[in-house]
């Protein structure tokens, strides 16, 4: 494994350098926010996850070890764990009160095309581990090796998740005629 491009920055963060944290946030926030948004389908929750990810980096930067995993892999794992925590809490949430009805219409500046909307809906309906694999490889542009490391699975297991996820999404998209 070659030198990690984030090694110096992480070292500075673990030494308490606030400017290094700002640099790290500027460098990594768009990708972490995109990952959380795709995993949770909720921009507000995604922002919370991204914020907590960077808080954890600030607190635990000294826990990252060069040579064990790339920092980019480590930060993705932190964000994914936070996403799964939120997804578990969603399933466990019960109340006697009805939830507030949320307007699910896209924001005016973020209106996806019909195909993009259908793909995102299919992505949300596949198994969470398949969704995680697809998001890491196709949306976060991690290599299969990096994504497998972030997911803590073998490359073969990752490729199996990708194949099953693509097949599931394809079946949903072919079965969906686009008329809602």
C-alpha atoms as a PDB file:
ATOM      1  CA  UNK A   1       0.000   0.000   0.000  1.00  0.00           C
ATOM      2  CA  UNK A   2       1.470   3.355  -1.041  1.00  0.00           C
ATOM      3  CA  UNK A   3       1.467   6.549   0.930  1.00  0.00           C
ATOM      4  CA  UNK A   4      -2.005   7.708   1.880  1.00  0.00           C
ATOM      5  CA  UNK A   5      -2.731  11.184   0.483  1.00  0.00           C
ATOM      6  CA  UNK A   6      -4.540  12.094   3.720  1.00  0.00           C
ATOM      7  CA  UNK A   7      -1.841  10.866   6.122  1.00  0.00           C
ATOM      8  CA  UNK A   8      -0.336  14.271   6.945  1.00  0.00           C
ATOM      9  CA  UNK A   9      -3.751  15.870   7.357  1.00  0.00           C
ATOM     10  CA  UNK A  10      -4.923  13.098   9.711  1.00  0.00           C
ATOM     11  CA  UNK A  11      -1.726  13.435  11.735  1.00  0.00           C
ATOM     12  CA  UNK A  12      -2.361  17.185  12.081  1.00  0.00           C
ATOM     13  CA  UNK A  13      -5.995  16.546  13.089  1.00  0.00           C
ATOM     14  CA  UNK A  14      -4.918  14.060  15.769  1.00  0.00           C
ATOM     15  CA  UNK A  15      -2.574  16.784  17.088  1.00  0.00           C
ATOM     16  CA  UNK A  16      -5.582  19.116  17.474  1.00  0.00           C
ATOM     17  CA  UNK A  17      -5.033  21.315  14.414  1.00  0.00           C
ATOM     18  CA  UNK A  18      -8.420  22.989  13.740  1.00  0.00           C
ATOM     19  CA  UNK A  19      -7.266  24.258  10.326  1.00  0.00           C
ATOM     20  CA  UNK A  20      -6.536  20.657   9.315  1.00  0.00           C
ATOM     21  CA  UNK A  21     -10.121  19.712  10.236  1.00  0.00           C
ATOM     22  CA  UNK A  22     -11.437  22.534   8.048  1.00  0.00           C
ATOM     23  CA  UNK A  23      -9.277  21.316   5.176  1.00  0.00           C
ATOM     24  CA  UNK A  24     -10.490  17.739   5.695  1.00  0.00           C
ATOM     25  CA  UNK A  25     -14.132  18.851   5.757  1.00  0.00           C
ATOM     26  CA  UNK A  26     -13.658  20.845   2.542  1.00  0.00           C
ATOM     27  CA  UNK A  27     -11.972  17.848   0.919  1.00  0.00           C
ATOM     28  CA  UNK A  28     -14.324  15.057   2.048  1.00  0.00           C
ATOM     29  CA  UNK A  29     -17.731  16.606   2.840  1.00  0.00           C
ATOM     30  CA  UNK A  30     -19.254  16.359  -0.664  1.00  0.00           C
ATOM     31  CA  UNK A  31     -18.524  12.625  -0.906  1.00  0.00           C
ATOM     32  CA  UNK A  32     -19.659  11.808   2.633  1.00  0.00           C
ATOM     33  CA  UNK A  33     -22.820  13.853   2.183  1.00  0.00           C
ATOM     34  CA  UNK A  34     -23.547  12.088  -1.128  1.00  0.00           C
ATOM     35  CA  UNK A  35     -22.969   8.678   0.484  1.00  0.00           C
ATOM     36  CA  UNK A  36     -25.288   9.423   3.405  1.00  0.00           C
ATOM     37  CA  UNK A  37     -27.966  10.922   1.149  1.00  0.00           C
ATOM     38  CA  UNK A  38     -27.993   7.853  -1.080  1.00  0.00           C
ATOM     39  CA  UNK A  39     -28.064   5.480   1.898  1.00  0.00           C
ATOM     40  CA  UNK A  40     -30.766   7.341   3.846  1.00  0.00           C
ATOM     41  CA  UNK A  41     -32.797   9.170   1.164  1.00  0.00           C
ATOM     42  CA  UNK A  42     -33.158  12.043   3.599  1.00  0.00           C
ATOM     43  CA  UNK A  43     -30.989  15.152   3.071  1.00  0.00           C
ATOM     44  CA  UNK A  44     -31.452  16.396   6.646  1.00  0.00           C
ATOM     45  CA  UNK A  45     -30.407  13.057   8.133  1.00  0.00           C
ATOM     46  CA  UNK A  46     -27.534  12.893   5.661  1.00  0.00           C
ATOM     47  CA  UNK A  47     -26.276  16.266   6.893  1.00  0.00           C
ATOM     48  CA  UNK A  48     -26.459  15.015  10.482  1.00  0.00           C
ATOM     49  CA  UNK A  49     -24.499  11.894   9.547  1.00  0.00           C
ATOM     50  CA  UNK A  50     -21.864  13.942   7.726  1.00  0.00           C
ATOM     51  CA  UNK A  51     -21.499  16.277  10.699  1.00  0.00           C
ATOM     52  CA  UNK A  52     -21.175  13.371  13.137  1.00  0.00           C
ATOM     53  CA  UNK A  53     -18.630  11.717  10.822  1.00  0.00           C
ATOM     54  CA  UNK A  54     -16.371  14.757  11.039  1.00  0.00           C
ATOM     55  CA  UNK A  55     -16.861  15.041  14.796  1.00  0.00           C
ATOM     56  CA  UNK A  56     -15.686  11.456  15.087  1.00  0.00           C
ATOM     57  CA  UNK A  57     -12.691  12.171  12.859  1.00  0.00           C
ATOM     58  CA  UNK A  58     -11.783  15.070  15.141  1.00  0.00           C
ATOM     59  CA  UNK A  59     -12.090  12.881  18.237  1.00  0.00           C
ATOM     60  CA  UNK A  60     -10.620   9.656  16.885  1.00  0.00           C
ATOM     61  CA  UNK A  61      -8.103  10.640  14.209  1.00  0.00           C
ATOM     62  CA  UNK A  62      -5.344   9.092  16.273  1.00  0.00           C
ATOM     63  CA  UNK A  63      -7.162   5.737  15.983  1.00  0.00           C
ATOM     64  CA  UNK A  64      -6.573   5.532  12.245  1.00  0.00           C
ATOM     65  CA  UNK A  65      -3.450   3.568  11.432  1.00  0.00           C
ATOM     66  CA  UNK A  66      -1.560   4.034   8.181  1.00  0.00           C
ATOM     67  CA  UNK A  67      -1.147   0.680   6.459  1.00  0.00           C
ATOM     68  CA  UNK A  68      -4.283  -0.951   7.896  1.00  0.00           C
ATOM     69  CA  UNK A  69      -6.703   0.850   5.568  1.00  0.00           C
ATOM     70  CA  UNK A  70      -6.656   4.020   3.536  1.00  0.00           C
ATOM     71  CA  UNK A  71      -8.103   6.972   5.392  1.00  0.00           C
ATOM     72  CA  UNK A  72     -10.761   7.329   2.674  1.00  0.00           C
ATOM     73  CA  UNK A  73     -11.864   3.758   3.398  1.00  0.00           C
ATOM     74  CA  UNK A  74     -11.934   4.465   7.140  1.00  0.00           C
ATOM     75  CA  UNK A  75     -14.046   7.620   6.802  1.00  0.00           C
ATOM     76  CA  UNK A  76     -16.506   5.790   4.532  1.00  0.00           C
ATOM     77  CA  UNK A  77     -16.816   3.028   7.149  1.00  0.00           C
ATOM     78  CA  UNK A  78     -17.541   5.612   9.865  1.00  0.00           C
ATOM     79  CA  UNK A  79     -20.228   7.257   7.712  1.00  0.00           C
ATOM     80  CA  UNK A  80     -21.764   3.902   6.757  1.00  0.00           C
ATOM     81  CA  UNK A  81     -21.931   2.810  10.403  1.00  0.00           C
ATOM     82  CA  UNK A  82     -23.728   6.040  11.272  1.00  0.00           C
ATOM     83  CA  UNK A  83     -26.162   5.492   8.377  1.00  0.00           C
ATOM     84  CA  UNK A  84     -26.920   1.970   9.561  1.00  0.00           C
ATOM     85  CA  UNK A  85     -27.476   3.249  13.102  1.00  0.00           C
ATOM     86  CA  UNK A  86     -30.110   5.630  11.742  1.00  0.00           C
ATOM     87  CA  UNK A  87     -31.712   2.963   9.557  1.00  0.00           C
ATOM     88  CA  UNK A  88     -31.981   0.651  12.592  1.00  0.00           C
ATOM     89  CA  UNK A  89     -33.596   3.423  14.650  1.00  0.00           C
ATOM     90  CA  UNK A  90     -36.147   3.964  11.867  1.00  0.00           C
ATOM     91  CA  UNK A  91     -37.217   0.323  12.115  1.00  0.00           C
ATOM     92  CA  UNK A  92     -37.383   0.448  15.906  1.00  0.00           C
ATOM     93  CA  UNK A  93     -39.419   3.668  16.036  1.00  0.00           C
ATOM     94  CA  UNK A  94     -42.938   3.165  17.349  1.00  0.00           C
ATOM     95  CA  UNK A  95     -45.459   5.620  18.725  1.00  0.00           C
ATOM     96  CA  UNK A  96     -49.153   6.101  19.258  1.00  0.00           C
ATOM     97  CA  UNK A  97     -49.002   9.386  17.361  1.00  0.00           C
ATOM     98  CA  UNK A  98     -49.193   9.600  13.615  1.00  0.00           C
ATOM     99  CA  UNK A  99     -46.012  10.903  11.982  1.00  0.00           C
ATOM    100  CA  UNK A 100     -45.957  14.328  10.418  1.00  0.00           C
ATOM    101  CA  UNK A 101     -46.648  14.104   6.702  1.00  0.00           C
ATOM    102  CA  UNK A 102     -43.527  15.101   4.839  1.00  0.00           C
ATOM    103  CA  UNK A 103     -43.698  16.739   1.441  1.00  0.00           C
ATOM    104  CA  UNK A 104     -41.618  14.386  -0.666  1.00  0.00           C
ATOM    105  CA  UNK A 105     -41.566  16.665  -3.685  1.00  0.00           C
ATOM    106  CA  UNK A 106     -38.057  17.469  -4.836  1.00  0.00           C
ATOM    107  CA  UNK A 107     -36.649  20.880  -4.151  1.00  0.00           C
ATOM    108  CA  UNK A 108     -36.900  23.181  -7.169  1.00  0.00           C
ATOM    109  CA  UNK A 109     -33.137  23.211  -7.629  1.00  0.00           C
ATOM    110  CA  UNK A 110     -32.847  19.430  -7.326  1.00  0.00           C
ATOM    111  CA  UNK A 111     -35.559  18.071  -9.598  1.00  0.00           C
ATOM    112  CA  UNK A 112     -34.270  14.747 -10.878  1.00  0.00           C
ATOM    113  CA  UNK A 113     -35.209  13.423 -14.275  1.00  0.00           C
ATOM    114  CA  UNK A 114     -37.732  10.600 -14.436  1.00  0.00           C
ATOM    115  CA  UNK A 115     -35.023   7.990 -15.042  1.00  0.00           C
ATOM    116  CA  UNK A 116     -32.940   9.270 -12.143  1.00  0.00           C
ATOM    117  CA  UNK A 117     -35.972   9.221  -9.844  1.00  0.00           C
ATOM    118  CA  UNK A 118     -36.783   5.642 -10.821  1.00  0.00           C
ATOM    119  CA  UNK A 119     -33.178   4.534 -10.254  1.00  0.00           C
ATOM    120  CA  UNK A 120     -33.121   6.195  -6.814  1.00  0.00           C
ATOM    121  CA  UNK A 121     -36.408   4.511  -5.875  1.00  0.00           C
ATOM    122  CA  UNK A 122     -35.077   1.135  -6.982  1.00  0.00           C
ATOM    123  CA  UNK A 123     -31.834   1.768  -5.072  1.00  0.00           C
ATOM    124  CA  UNK A 124     -33.827   2.383  -1.885  1.00  0.00           C
ATOM    125  CA  UNK A 125     -35.831  -0.841  -2.344  1.00  0.00           C
ATOM    126  CA  UNK A 126     -32.900  -3.277  -2.653  1.00  0.00           C
ATOM    127  CA  UNK A 127     -31.253  -4.965   0.321  1.00  0.00           C
ATOM    128  CA  UNK A 128     -29.183  -2.533   2.430  1.00  0.00           C
ATOM    129  CA  UNK A 129     -25.849  -4.341   1.896  1.00  0.00           C
ATOM    130  CA  UNK A 130     -26.453  -4.409  -1.868  1.00  0.00           C
ATOM    131  CA  UNK A 131     -27.300  -0.686  -1.759  1.00  0.00           C
ATOM    132  CA  UNK A 132     -24.129  -0.019   0.245  1.00  0.00           C
ATOM    133  CA  UNK A 133     -21.995  -1.850  -2.331  1.00  0.00           C
ATOM    134  CA  UNK A 134     -23.596  -0.039  -5.277  1.00  0.00           C
ATOM    135  CA  UNK A 135     -23.308   3.369  -3.618  1.00  0.00           C
ATOM    136  CA  UNK A 136     -19.642   2.873  -2.724  1.00  0.00           C
ATOM    137  CA  UNK A 137     -18.603   1.603  -6.160  1.00  0.00           C
ATOM    138  CA  UNK A 138     -20.843   3.512  -8.563  1.00  0.00           C
ATOM    139  CA  UNK A 139     -21.579   6.747  -6.714  1.00  0.00           C
ATOM    140  CA  UNK A 140     -18.526   7.143  -4.467  1.00  0.00           C
ATOM    141  CA  UNK A 141     -16.130   5.833  -7.141  1.00  0.00           C
ATOM    142  CA  UNK A 142     -14.287   3.526  -4.750  1.00  0.00           C
ATOM    143  CA  UNK A 143     -12.438   0.623  -6.327  1.00  0.00           C
ATOM    144  CA  UNK A 144     -13.768  -2.854  -5.558  1.00  0.00           C
ATOM    145  CA  UNK A 145     -10.850  -3.377  -3.184  1.00  0.00           C
ATOM    146  CA  UNK A 146     -11.542  -0.103  -1.345  1.00  0.00           C
ATOM    147  CA  UNK A 147     -15.295  -0.734  -1.187  1.00  0.00           C
ATOM    148  CA  UNK A 148     -14.768  -4.287   0.094  1.00  0.00           C
ATOM    149  CA  UNK A 149     -12.446  -2.940   2.771  1.00  0.00           C
ATOM    150  CA  UNK A 150     -14.972  -0.262   3.791  1.00  0.00           C
ATOM    151  CA  UNK A 151     -17.700  -2.909   3.997  1.00  0.00           C
ATOM    152  CA  UNK A 152     -15.371  -5.342   5.773  1.00  0.00           C
ATOM    153  CA  UNK A 153     -16.021  -8.109   3.239  1.00  0.00           C
ATOM    154  CA  UNK A 154     -13.902  -9.911   0.657  1.00  0.00           C
ATOM    155  CA  UNK A 155     -13.718  -8.589  -2.902  1.00  0.00           C
ATOM    156  CA  UNK A 156     -15.612 -11.705  -4.041  1.00  0.00           C
ATOM    157  CA  UNK A 157     -18.406 -10.969  -1.541  1.00  0.00           C
ATOM    158  CA  UNK A 158     -18.543  -7.351  -2.721  1.00  0.00           C
ATOM    159  CA  UNK A 159     -18.790  -8.435  -6.345  1.00  0.00           C
ATOM    160  CA  UNK A 160     -21.596 -10.824  -5.410  1.00  0.00           C
ATOM    161  CA  UNK A 161     -23.459  -7.996  -3.641  1.00  0.00           C
ATOM    162  CA  UNK A 162     -22.970  -5.755  -6.685  1.00  0.00           C
ATOM    163  CA  UNK A 163     -24.259  -8.419  -9.069  1.00  0.00           C
ATOM    164  CA  UNK A 164     -27.317  -9.193  -6.930  1.00  0.00           C
ATOM    165  CA  UNK A 165     -28.023  -5.490  -6.419  1.00  0.00           C
ATOM    166  CA  UNK A 166     -27.785  -4.728 -10.139  1.00  0.00           C
ATOM    167  CA  UNK A 167     -30.083  -7.676 -10.960  1.00  0.00           C
ATOM    168  CA  UNK A 168     -32.622  -6.586  -8.327  1.00  0.00           C
ATOM    169  CA  UNK A 169     -32.606  -3.000  -9.553  1.00  0.00           C
ATOM    170  CA  UNK A 170     -32.857  -4.091 -13.177  1.00  0.00           C
ATOM    171  CA  UNK A 171     -35.873  -6.283 -12.386  1.00  0.00           C
ATOM    172  CA  UNK A 172     -37.546  -3.368 -10.603  1.00  0.00           C
ATOM    173  CA  UNK A 173     -36.789  -0.920 -13.388  1.00  0.00           C
ATOM    174  CA  UNK A 174     -37.976  -3.274 -16.130  1.00  0.00           C
ATOM    175  CA  UNK A 175     -41.115  -4.075 -14.113  1.00  0.00           C
ATOM    176  CA  UNK A 176     -41.758  -0.346 -13.505  1.00  0.00           C
ATOM    177  CA  UNK A 177     -43.307   1.157 -16.597  1.00  0.00           C
ATOM    178  CA  UNK A 178     -42.666   4.646 -15.217  1.00  0.00           C
ATOM    179  CA  UNK A 179     -46.342   5.393 -14.617  1.00  0.00           C
ATOM    180  CA  UNK A 180     -46.893   6.225 -10.966  1.00  0.00           C
END
